[in-house]
């Protein structure tokens, strides 16, 4: 088997394609949640904390000198990223919880009774004829 054919077989497996779709959708979802956090959630929190913009929070370890940039620890951006993560994790948790609940309901739903077999139908007809 040639290398190209082997790669083609690998790439066209259902699991690989499903994973690729999941990564693409996950990336887009991450951008949506990041925008939600930075544009909707964080501004009111910043106002509540006295007009603080989290992405601007940082402290300087070493000031800029002679053309060298300053060494800055941007803990505000880290805080923003942690909040993004918590929100994304919570939404995924809720989605998985919903899916599990729907699966349980599907498993608990009583199955429709099976149609009687030909033998049972014939026996019922014989029984009904004998009653007459």
Protein backbone atom coordinates (compact mmCIF):
# COMPACT_ATOMS: atom_id res chain seq x y z
CA UNK A 1 0.00 0.00 0.00
CA UNK A 2 1.45 3.34 -1.00
CA UNK A 3 1.95 6.16 1.47
CA UNK A 4 -0.57 8.36 -0.35
CA UNK A 5 -3.26 5.65 -0.32
CA UNK A 6 -2.63 4.94 3.36
CA UNK A 7 -2.92 8.65 4.20
CA UNK A 8 -6.13 8.90 2.15
CA UNK A 9 -7.63 5.95 4.04
CA UNK A 10 -6.65 7.57 7.35
CA UNK A 11 -7.99 11.02 6.46
CA UNK A 12 -11.31 9.73 5.15
CA UNK A 13 -12.21 7.75 8.28
CA UNK A 14 -15.38 8.97 9.93
CA UNK A 15 -13.69 9.67 13.26
CA UNK A 16 -11.08 11.96 11.73
CA UNK A 17 -13.68 13.97 9.84
CA UNK A 18 -15.91 14.19 12.93
CA UNK A 19 -12.96 15.40 14.97
CA UNK A 20 -12.08 18.04 12.36
CA UNK A 21 -15.65 19.34 12.35
CA UNK A 22 -15.61 19.42 16.15
CA UNK A 23 -12.39 21.42 16.23
CA UNK A 24 -13.70 23.94 13.70
CA UNK A 25 -17.02 24.38 15.51
CA UNK A 26 -15.20 24.55 18.85
CA UNK A 27 -12.91 27.28 17.57
CA UNK A 28 -15.85 29.34 16.34
CA UNK A 29 -17.68 28.73 19.62
CA UNK A 30 -14.59 29.86 21.54
CA UNK A 31 -14.53 33.13 19.60
CA UNK A 32 -18.21 33.71 20.37
CA UNK A 33 -17.69 33.10 24.07
CA UNK A 34 -14.56 35.28 24.14
CA UNK A 35 -16.56 38.10 22.59
CA UNK A 36 -19.38 37.52 25.07
CA UNK A 37 -16.98 37.74 27.98
CA UNK A 38 -14.92 40.71 26.76
CA UNK A 39 -17.79 42.74 25.26
CA UNK A 40 -20.77 41.88 27.47
CA UNK A 41 -19.71 40.36 30.80
CA UNK A 42 -16.50 42.22 31.67
CA UNK A 43 -17.59 45.85 31.11
CA UNK A 44 -20.27 45.74 33.84
CA UNK A 45 -17.85 43.96 36.17
CA UNK A 46 -15.28 46.66 35.44
CA UNK A 47 -17.84 49.36 36.26
CA UNK A 48 -18.73 47.60 39.51
CA UNK A 49 -15.04 47.53 40.41
CA UNK A 50 -14.60 51.25 39.79
CA UNK A 51 -14.06 51.49 36.04
CA UNK A 52 -11.32 48.86 35.84
CA UNK A 53 -10.53 47.46 32.40
CA UNK A 54 -9.24 43.96 33.06
CA UNK A 55 -7.13 43.74 29.91
CA UNK A 56 -5.17 46.81 31.09
CA UNK A 57 -4.30 45.34 34.51
CA UNK A 58 -0.57 44.64 34.68
CA UNK A 59 2.51 45.41 36.70
CA UNK A 60 5.93 46.27 35.41
CA UNK A 61 8.80 44.05 36.47
CA UNK A 62 11.45 46.09 34.69
CA UNK A 63 10.92 49.47 33.09
CA UNK A 64 11.85 50.09 29.47
CA UNK A 65 15.45 51.21 29.12
CA UNK A 66 17.71 52.10 26.17
CA UNK A 67 15.45 50.69 23.46
CA UNK A 68 14.58 47.51 25.36
CA UNK A 69 10.87 47.08 25.95
CA UNK A 70 9.50 46.95 29.47
CA UNK A 71 8.98 43.59 31.14
CA UNK A 72 5.31 43.50 32.08
CA UNK A 73 3.17 40.82 33.75
CA UNK A 74 -0.30 41.25 32.24
CA UNK A 75 -2.40 39.53 34.87
CA UNK A 76 -5.54 41.28 33.59
CA UNK A 77 -5.38 39.41 30.28
CA UNK A 78 -4.84 36.19 32.22
CA UNK A 79 -7.90 36.94 34.38
CA UNK A 80 -9.93 37.56 31.23
CA UNK A 81 -8.75 34.23 29.77
CA UNK A 82 -9.63 32.36 32.98
CA UNK A 83 -13.13 33.85 32.93
CA UNK A 84 -13.48 32.84 29.25
CA UNK A 85 -12.47 29.30 30.18
CA UNK A 86 -14.90 29.07 33.09
CA UNK A 87 -17.81 30.25 30.93
CA UNK A 88 -16.91 27.88 28.06
CA UNK A 89 -16.53 24.96 30.48
CA UNK A 90 -19.89 25.76 32.08
CA UNK A 91 -21.68 25.95 28.72
CA UNK A 92 -20.14 22.66 27.60
CA UNK A 93 -21.10 21.08 30.93
CA UNK A 94 -24.69 22.24 30.46
CA UNK A 95 -24.77 20.89 26.89
CA UNK A 96 -23.43 17.48 27.97
CA UNK A 97 -25.88 17.44 30.88
CA UNK A 98 -28.77 18.15 28.48
CA UNK A 99 -27.64 15.39 26.12
CA UNK A 100 -27.34 12.91 29.02
CA UNK A 101 -30.83 13.86 30.24
CA UNK A 102 -32.28 13.32 26.77
CA UNK A 103 -30.52 9.94 26.52
CA UNK A 104 -31.95 8.85 29.88
CA UNK A 105 -35.46 9.85 28.82
CA UNK A 106 -35.06 7.90 25.58
CA UNK A 107 -33.88 4.83 27.50
CA UNK A 108 -36.68 5.10 30.07
CA UNK A 109 -39.44 5.51 27.48
CA UNK A 110 -41.38 2.26 27.24
CA UNK A 111 -40.89 0.46 23.98
CA UNK A 112 -43.95 0.04 21.83
CA UNK A 113 -45.36 -3.44 22.18
CA UNK A 114 -44.30 -5.72 19.40
CA UNK A 115 -46.88 -6.87 16.92
CA UNK A 116 -48.02 -10.41 17.60
CA UNK A 117 -46.36 -13.11 15.56
CA UNK A 118 -48.24 -15.02 12.85
CA UNK A 119 -48.60 -17.95 15.23
CA UNK A 120 -50.22 -15.80 17.90
CA UNK A 121 -52.62 -14.29 15.36
CA UNK A 122 -53.66 -17.74 14.13
CA UNK A 123 -54.11 -19.01 17.69
CA UNK A 124 -56.27 -15.98 18.52
CA UNK A 125 -58.42 -16.65 15.45
CA UNK A 126 -58.81 -20.31 16.43
CA UNK A 127 -59.74 -19.28 19.98
CA UNK A 128 -62.36 -16.83 18.67
CA UNK A 129 -63.82 -19.51 16.36
CA UNK A 130 -64.03 -22.00 19.23
CA UNK A 131 -65.88 -19.46 21.38
CA UNK A 132 -68.56 -19.18 18.68
